[in-house]
Amino acid sequence: MSNGNGAVHLELHTDANSEVPYEQRFSVIGADLDTGRNGQEQVTAAVEGPDNVLSIPRVRTEPGRVAFVLAAANHGSDQNYTNGDCSVEYAVR
């Protein structure tokens, strides 16, 4: 996560650990704790092998405290995919 100029850039780096491509969705829900403004963004891509990066560039924010919930969801022909999310409070400059 990097920030500047009223926006943050989010990246998900993943090792697909698979030779068969599958779909991965990376999403973010954010809430500015100072202004009350909120929003969400997502990106979906086919992933395969060890070096995959999904990016959500320029998530617009105001300087201050922002709460994010980041999530990764996977879908494909197999049934053994993991999904997960995490939350963080971040200070945007």
C-alpha atoms as a PDB file:
ATOM      1  CA  MET A   1       0.000   0.000   0.000  1.00  0.00           C
ATOM      2  CA  SER A   2       1.379   3.378  -0.932  1.00  0.00           C
ATOM      3  CA  ASN A   3      -0.233   6.781  -0.680  1.00  0.00           C
ATOM      4  CA  GLY A   4       0.019  10.358  -1.765  1.00  0.00           C
ATOM      5  CA  ASN A   5      -1.981  13.127  -3.408  1.00  0.00           C
ATOM      6  CA  GLY A   6      -5.282  12.062  -1.849  1.00  0.00           C
ATOM      7  CA  ALA A   7      -5.168   8.472  -3.078  1.00  0.00           C
ATOM      8  CA  VAL A   8      -3.779   5.063  -2.150  1.00  0.00           C
ATOM      9  CA  HIS A   9      -2.513   2.320  -4.453  1.00  0.00           C
ATOM     10  CA  LEU A  10      -3.289  -1.237  -3.330  1.00  0.00           C
ATOM     11  CA  GLU A  11      -1.624  -4.425  -4.594  1.00  0.00           C
ATOM     12  CA  LEU A  12      -2.229  -8.105  -3.917  1.00  0.00           C
ATOM     13  CA  HIS A  13       0.807 -10.314  -4.580  1.00  0.00           C
ATOM     14  CA  THR A  14      -0.077 -13.984  -4.770  1.00  0.00           C
ATOM     15  CA  ASP A  15       1.475 -17.339  -5.583  1.00  0.00           C
ATOM     16  CA  ALA A  16      -1.315 -19.200  -7.354  1.00  0.00           C
ATOM     17  CA  ASN A  17       0.487 -22.488  -6.647  1.00  0.00           C
ATOM     18  CA  SER A  18      -1.282 -23.901  -9.678  1.00  0.00           C
ATOM     19  CA  GLU A  19      -0.461 -24.699 -13.284  1.00  0.00           C
ATOM     20  CA  VAL A  20      -4.157 -24.401 -14.105  1.00  0.00           C
ATOM     21  CA  PRO A  21      -5.371 -20.784 -14.248  1.00  0.00           C
ATOM     22  CA  TYR A  22      -8.215 -19.713 -11.985  1.00  0.00           C
ATOM     23  CA  GLU A  23     -10.032 -16.472 -11.281  1.00  0.00           C
ATOM     24  CA  GLN A  24      -8.974 -14.255  -8.400  1.00  0.00           C
ATOM     25  CA  ARG A  25     -10.902 -11.191  -7.218  1.00  0.00           C
ATOM     26  CA  PHE A  26      -9.196  -8.540  -5.098  1.00  0.00           C
ATOM     27  CA  SER A  27     -11.533  -6.028  -3.480  1.00  0.00           C
ATOM     28  CA  VAL A  28     -11.378  -3.163  -1.014  1.00  0.00           C
ATOM     29  CA  ILE A  29     -14.019  -1.389   1.026  1.00  0.00           C
ATOM     30  CA  GLY A  30     -12.795   1.836   2.577  1.00  0.00           C
ATOM     31  CA  ALA A  31     -14.250   4.351   5.005  1.00  0.00           C
ATOM     32  CA  ASP A  32     -12.704   7.712   5.821  1.00  0.00           C
ATOM     33  CA  LEU A  33     -13.020   7.913   9.602  1.00  0.00           C
ATOM     34  CA  ASP A  34     -12.710  11.711   9.612  1.00  0.00           C
ATOM     35  CA  THR A  35     -15.134  12.678   6.796  1.00  0.00           C
ATOM     36  CA  GLY A  36     -17.485   9.667   6.750  1.00  0.00           C
ATOM     37  CA  ARG A  37     -16.892   9.180   3.011  1.00  0.00           C
ATOM     38  CA  ASN A  38     -16.794   5.529   1.892  1.00  0.00           C
ATOM     39  CA  GLY A  39     -16.445   3.460  -1.248  1.00  0.00           C
ATOM     40  CA  GLN A  40     -15.395   0.191  -2.783  1.00  0.00           C
ATOM     41  CA  GLU A  41     -13.313  -1.033  -5.708  1.00  0.00           C
ATOM     42  CA  GLN A  42     -12.404  -4.427  -7.124  1.00  0.00           C
ATOM     43  CA  VAL A  43     -10.365  -6.081  -9.837  1.00  0.00           C
ATOM     44  CA  THR A  44     -10.562  -9.629 -11.220  1.00  0.00           C
ATOM     45  CA  ALA A  45      -7.896 -11.510 -13.165  1.00  0.00           C
ATOM     46  CA  ALA A  46      -6.886 -15.019 -14.179  1.00  0.00           C
ATOM     47  CA  VAL A  47      -3.919 -16.128 -12.061  1.00  0.00           C
ATOM     48  CA  GLU A  48      -1.469 -18.975 -12.600  1.00  0.00           C
ATOM     49  CA  GLY A  49       1.968 -19.829 -11.238  1.00  0.00           C
ATOM     50  CA  PRO A  50       4.036 -18.023  -8.611  1.00  0.00           C
ATOM     51  CA  ASP A  51       4.141 -14.332  -9.592  1.00  0.00           C
ATOM     52  CA  ASN A  52       0.748 -12.634  -9.800  1.00  0.00           C
ATOM     53  CA  VAL A  53      -0.091  -9.037  -8.934  1.00  0.00           C
ATOM     54  CA  LEU A  54      -3.592  -7.582  -8.853  1.00  0.00           C
ATOM     55  CA  SER A  55      -3.681  -3.789  -8.480  1.00  0.00           C
ATOM     56  CA  ILE A  56      -6.317  -1.303  -7.445  1.00  0.00           C
ATOM     57  CA  PRO A  57      -4.691   2.026  -8.307  1.00  0.00           C
ATOM     58  CA  ARG A  58      -5.712   5.460  -7.074  1.00  0.00           C
ATOM     59  CA  VAL A  59      -8.330   4.660  -4.460  1.00  0.00           C
ATOM     60  CA  ARG A  60      -9.374   8.243  -3.716  1.00  0.00           C
ATOM     61  CA  THR A  61      -9.162   9.388  -0.107  1.00  0.00           C
ATOM     62  CA  GLU A  62      -8.701  12.560   1.871  1.00  0.00           C
ATOM     63  CA  PRO A  63      -5.774  12.957   4.245  1.00  0.00           C
ATOM     64  CA  GLY A  64      -6.558  11.403   7.613  1.00  0.00           C
ATOM     65  CA  ARG A  65      -7.573   8.056   9.075  1.00  0.00           C
ATOM     66  CA  VAL A  66      -9.059   5.488   6.697  1.00  0.00           C
ATOM     67  CA  ALA A  67     -10.329   2.009   7.580  1.00  0.00           C
ATOM     68  CA  PHE A  68      -9.939  -0.630   4.865  1.00  0.00           C
ATOM     69  CA  VAL A  69     -11.262  -4.162   4.496  1.00  0.00           C
ATOM     70  CA  LEU A  70      -9.235  -6.013   1.851  1.00  0.00           C
ATOM     71  CA  ALA A  71     -10.473  -9.320   0.456  1.00  0.00           C
ATOM     72  CA  ALA A  72      -9.228 -12.004  -1.922  1.00  0.00           C
ATOM     73  CA  ALA A  73     -11.662 -14.525  -3.385  1.00  0.00           C
ATOM     74  CA  ASN A  74     -10.766 -17.371  -5.716  1.00  0.00           C
ATOM     75  CA  HIS A  75     -12.915 -19.360  -8.126  1.00  0.00           C
ATOM     76  CA  GLY A  76     -12.151 -22.084 -10.638  1.00  0.00           C
ATOM     77  CA  SER A  77     -12.801 -25.657 -11.702  1.00  0.00           C
ATOM     78  CA  ASP A  78     -11.273 -27.125  -8.513  1.00  0.00           C
ATOM     79  CA  GLN A  79     -13.055 -27.029  -5.165  1.00  0.00           C
ATOM     80  CA  ASN A  80      -9.954 -26.396  -3.028  1.00  0.00           C
ATOM     81  CA  TYR A  81      -9.575 -22.606  -3.160  1.00  0.00           C
ATOM     82  CA  THR A  82      -9.018 -20.377  -0.165  1.00  0.00           C
ATOM     83  CA  ASN A  83     -10.581 -16.979   0.409  1.00  0.00           C
ATOM     84  CA  GLY A  84      -9.770 -14.402   3.020  1.00  0.00           C
ATOM     85  CA  ASP A  85     -10.007 -10.851   4.190  1.00  0.00           C
ATOM     86  CA  CYS A  86      -8.270  -8.519   6.590  1.00  0.00           C
ATOM     87  CA  SER A  87      -8.869  -5.062   7.964  1.00  0.00           C
ATOM     88  CA  VAL A  88      -6.529  -2.199   8.733  1.00  0.00           C
ATOM     89  CA  GLU A  89      -6.686   1.419   9.810  1.00  0.00           C
ATOM     90  CA  TYR A  90      -4.282   3.526   7.776  1.00  0.00           C
ATOM     91  CA  ALA A  91      -3.169   7.166   7.987  1.00  0.00           C
ATOM     92  CA  VAL A  92      -3.289   8.827   4.561  1.00  0.00           C
ATOM     93  CA  ARG A  93      -1.051  11.875   4.072  1.00  0.00           C
END
